[in-house]
Amino acid sequence: MINTIVLAFSPGPMEIILVLVIVLLLFGGKKIPELMKGMGKGIRNFKEGINSDEDSEEEKDTKKDTRKEEKKNE
């Protein structure tokens, strides 16, 4: 049931071509590579931010474990 609904509203090849033509007309051929470059940088920064958050959480866990071990040794 859900698959048929998704397929009913998914864009076909003609709709995709139409959207690409409209984007080309709005931004022009020279501006599109700049837009894609900006999008790539944004995605890269987002991924780096996610990875740094995971790294900082792991560092916090490591520090907690180290503190527990130091208390045991005292």
N, C-alpha and C. Protein backbone atom coordinates (compact mmCIF):
# COMPACT_ATOMS: atom_id res chain seq x y z
N MET A 1 0.82 -1.19 0.00
CA MET A 1 0.00 0.00 0.00
C MET A 1 0.86 1.25 0.00
N ILE A 2 1.84 1.29 0.93
CA ILE A 2 2.70 2.47 1.04
C ILE A 2 3.58 2.60 -0.20
N ASN A 3 4.05 1.47 -0.73
CA ASN A 3 4.89 1.51 -1.93
C ASN A 3 4.16 2.12 -3.11
N THR A 4 2.90 1.82 -3.26
CA THR A 4 2.14 2.38 -4.38
C THR A 4 1.93 3.87 -4.21
N ILE A 5 1.76 4.32 -2.97
CA ILE A 5 1.60 5.75 -2.72
C ILE A 5 2.90 6.48 -3.03
N VAL A 6 4.02 5.92 -2.61
CA VAL A 6 5.32 6.54 -2.87
C VAL A 6 5.59 6.59 -4.37
N LEU A 7 5.30 5.53 -5.06
CA LEU A 7 5.52 5.49 -6.50
C LEU A 7 4.60 6.46 -7.24
N ALA A 8 3.41 6.69 -6.71
CA ALA A 8 2.47 7.58 -7.36
C ALA A 8 2.95 9.03 -7.31
N PHE A 9 3.67 9.40 -6.27
CA PHE A 9 4.11 10.78 -6.11
C PHE A 9 5.58 11.00 -6.43
N SER A 10 6.28 9.98 -6.87
CA SER A 10 7.69 10.15 -7.22
C SER A 10 7.81 10.78 -8.61
N PRO A 11 8.78 11.68 -8.80
CA PRO A 11 8.90 12.35 -10.10
C PRO A 11 9.46 11.42 -11.17
N GLY A 12 8.93 11.56 -12.35
CA GLY A 12 9.40 10.78 -13.48
C GLY A 12 10.54 11.50 -14.19
N PRO A 13 11.05 10.92 -15.26
CA PRO A 13 12.17 11.53 -15.97
C PRO A 13 11.84 12.90 -16.56
N MET A 14 10.61 13.08 -17.04
CA MET A 14 10.24 14.38 -17.63
C MET A 14 10.20 15.48 -16.57
N GLU A 15 9.71 15.15 -15.38
CA GLU A 15 9.67 16.15 -14.31
C GLU A 15 11.08 16.54 -13.87
N ILE A 16 11.96 15.57 -13.79
CA ILE A 16 13.35 15.85 -13.39
C ILE A 16 14.02 16.74 -14.43
N ILE A 17 13.83 16.43 -15.71
CA ILE A 17 14.41 17.25 -16.79
C ILE A 17 13.85 18.67 -16.73
N LEU A 18 12.55 18.79 -16.49
CA LEU A 18 11.92 20.11 -16.39
C LEU A 18 12.51 20.92 -15.25
N VAL A 19 12.70 20.31 -14.10
CA VAL A 19 13.29 21.00 -12.96
C VAL A 19 14.72 21.44 -13.28
N LEU A 20 15.50 20.58 -13.91
CA LEU A 20 16.88 20.93 -14.26
C LEU A 20 16.93 22.10 -15.25
N VAL A 21 16.03 22.12 -16.21
CA VAL A 21 15.97 23.22 -17.17
C VAL A 21 15.61 24.53 -16.47
N ILE A 22 14.65 24.47 -15.55
CA ILE A 22 14.26 25.68 -14.82
C ILE A 22 15.42 26.19 -13.97
N VAL A 23 16.13 25.30 -13.31
CA VAL A 23 17.29 25.70 -12.51
C VAL A 23 18.35 26.33 -13.40
N LEU A 24 18.59 25.75 -14.55
CA LEU A 24 19.56 26.30 -15.48
C LEU A 24 19.16 27.69 -15.95
N LEU A 25 17.89 27.89 -16.21
CA LEU A 25 17.42 29.21 -16.64
C LEU A 25 17.51 30.24 -15.52
N LEU A 26 17.22 29.82 -14.30
CA LEU A 26 17.23 30.76 -13.18
C LEU A 26 18.65 31.18 -12.79
N PHE A 27 19.56 30.23 -12.72
CA PHE A 27 20.89 30.52 -12.20
C PHE A 27 21.94 30.70 -13.28
N GLY A 28 21.73 30.15 -14.43
CA GLY A 28 22.72 30.26 -15.50
C GLY A 28 23.80 29.19 -15.37
N GLY A 29 24.53 28.99 -16.44
CA GLY A 29 25.55 27.94 -16.48
C GLY A 29 26.75 28.22 -15.62
N LYS A 30 27.07 29.48 -15.38
CA LYS A 30 28.25 29.81 -14.59
C LYS A 30 28.00 29.73 -13.09
N LYS A 31 26.79 29.96 -12.67
CA LYS A 31 26.48 30.01 -11.24
C LYS A 31 26.27 28.62 -10.63
N ILE A 32 25.84 27.66 -11.43
CA ILE A 32 25.52 26.33 -10.91
C ILE A 32 26.74 25.64 -10.29
N PRO A 33 27.93 25.66 -10.94
CA PRO A 33 29.08 25.03 -10.28
C PRO A 33 29.43 25.68 -8.94
N GLU A 34 29.25 26.99 -8.83
CA GLU A 34 29.51 27.66 -7.56
C GLU A 34 28.53 27.21 -6.49
N LEU A 35 27.26 27.04 -6.88
CA LEU A 35 26.26 26.56 -5.94
C LEU A 35 26.58 25.14 -5.47
N MET A 36 26.99 24.29 -6.40
CA MET A 36 27.32 22.91 -6.03
C MET A 36 28.55 22.85 -5.14
N LYS A 37 29.51 23.73 -5.41
CA LYS A 37 30.72 23.79 -4.58
C LYS A 37 30.35 24.18 -3.15
N GLY A 38 29.47 25.17 -3.03
CA GLY A 38 29.01 25.58 -1.71
C GLY A 38 28.26 24.48 -0.99
N MET A 39 27.43 23.74 -1.73
CA MET A 39 26.71 22.62 -1.13
C MET A 39 27.67 21.55 -0.66
N GLY A 40 28.70 21.27 -1.46
CA GLY A 40 29.69 20.27 -1.07
C GLY A 40 30.42 20.65 0.20
N LYS A 41 30.79 21.93 0.31
CA LYS A 41 31.46 22.40 1.52
C LYS A 41 30.54 22.29 2.73
N GLY A 42 29.27 22.63 2.53
CA GLY A 42 28.32 22.54 3.63
C GLY A 42 28.14 21.12 4.11
N ILE A 43 28.03 20.18 3.19
CA ILE A 43 27.87 18.77 3.55
C ILE A 43 29.12 18.27 4.27
N ARG A 44 30.29 18.66 3.76
CA ARG A 44 31.56 18.25 4.38
C ARG A 44 31.64 18.78 5.82
N ASN A 45 31.30 20.05 6.02
CA ASN A 45 31.32 20.62 7.37
C ASN A 45 30.33 19.93 8.29
N PHE A 46 29.17 19.58 7.76
CA PHE A 46 28.17 18.87 8.55
C PHE A 46 28.70 17.52 9.00
N LYS A 47 29.31 16.78 8.08
CA LYS A 47 29.87 15.47 8.44
C LYS A 47 30.99 15.60 9.45
N GLU A 48 31.85 16.60 9.29
CA GLU A 48 32.94 16.81 10.24
C GLU A 48 32.37 17.16 11.62
N GLY A 49 31.30 17.94 11.64
CA GLY A 49 30.68 18.29 12.92
C GLY A 49 30.10 17.08 13.62
N ILE A 50 29.47 16.21 12.85
CA ILE A 50 28.92 14.98 13.44
C ILE A 50 30.04 14.11 13.98
N ASN A 51 31.11 13.95 13.19
CA ASN A 51 32.22 13.10 13.63
C ASN A 51 32.91 13.69 14.85
N SER A 52 33.06 15.01 14.92
CA SER A 52 33.73 15.60 16.07
C SER A 52 32.86 15.45 17.32
N ASP A 53 31.54 15.49 17.19
CA ASP A 53 30.66 15.25 18.33
C ASP A 53 30.82 13.83 18.84
N GLU A 54 30.90 12.87 17.94
CA GLU A 54 31.09 11.48 18.35
C GLU A 54 32.44 11.30 19.01
N ASP A 55 33.47 11.95 18.47
CA ASP A 55 34.81 11.86 19.05
C ASP A 55 34.83 12.45 20.45
N SER A 56 34.17 13.59 20.63
CA SER A 56 34.18 14.23 21.95
C SER A 56 33.45 13.37 22.97
N GLU A 57 32.37 12.67 22.56
CA GLU A 57 31.67 11.77 23.47
C GLU A 57 32.56 10.60 23.86
N GLU A 58 33.30 10.07 22.91
CA GLU A 58 34.22 8.97 23.21
C GLU A 58 35.33 9.43 24.15
N GLU A 59 35.83 10.66 23.95
CA GLU A 59 36.86 11.19 24.82
C GLU A 59 36.33 11.36 26.24
N LYS A 60 35.08 11.80 26.39
CA LYS A 60 34.49 11.95 27.71
C LYS A 60 34.40 10.60 28.41
N ASP A 61 33.97 9.57 27.66
CA ASP A 61 33.87 8.24 28.24
C ASP A 61 35.24 7.73 28.65
N THR A 62 36.25 7.98 27.85
CA THR A 62 37.61 7.55 28.16
C THR A 62 38.12 8.25 29.41
N LYS A 63 37.84 9.55 29.53
CA LYS A 63 38.27 10.30 30.71
C LYS A 63 37.60 9.76 31.97
N LYS A 64 36.30 9.42 31.88
CA LYS A 64 35.59 8.87 33.02
C LYS A 64 36.20 7.54 33.45
N ASP A 65 36.51 6.69 32.47
CA ASP A 65 37.10 5.39 32.77
C ASP A 65 38.47 5.58 33.42
N THR A 66 39.25 6.53 32.94
CA THR A 66 40.57 6.79 33.49
C THR A 66 40.46 7.27 34.93
N ARG A 67 39.51 8.14 35.19
CA ARG A 67 39.31 8.65 36.56
C ARG A 67 38.90 7.52 37.50
N LYS A 68 38.05 6.62 37.03
CA LYS A 68 37.63 5.49 37.86
C LYS A 68 38.81 4.60 38.19
N GLU A 69 39.68 4.35 37.22
CA GLU A 69 40.85 3.51 37.44
C GLU A 69 41.82 4.17 38.43
N GLU A 70 41.97 5.50 38.32
CA GLU A 70 42.86 6.21 39.24
C GLU A 70 42.35 6.13 40.66
N LYS A 71 41.01 6.22 40.82
CA LYS A 71 40.43 6.14 42.17
C LYS A 71 40.62 4.75 42.76
N LYS A 72 40.53 3.72 41.90
CA LYS A 72 40.72 2.35 42.37
C LYS A 72 42.15 2.13 42.82
N ASN A 73 43.10 2.74 42.14
CA ASN A 73 44.51 2.56 42.45
C ASN A 73 44.91 3.28 43.74
N GLU A 74 44.14 4.27 44.15
CA GLU A 74 44.49 5.02 45.37
C GLU A 74 44.17 4.24 46.56
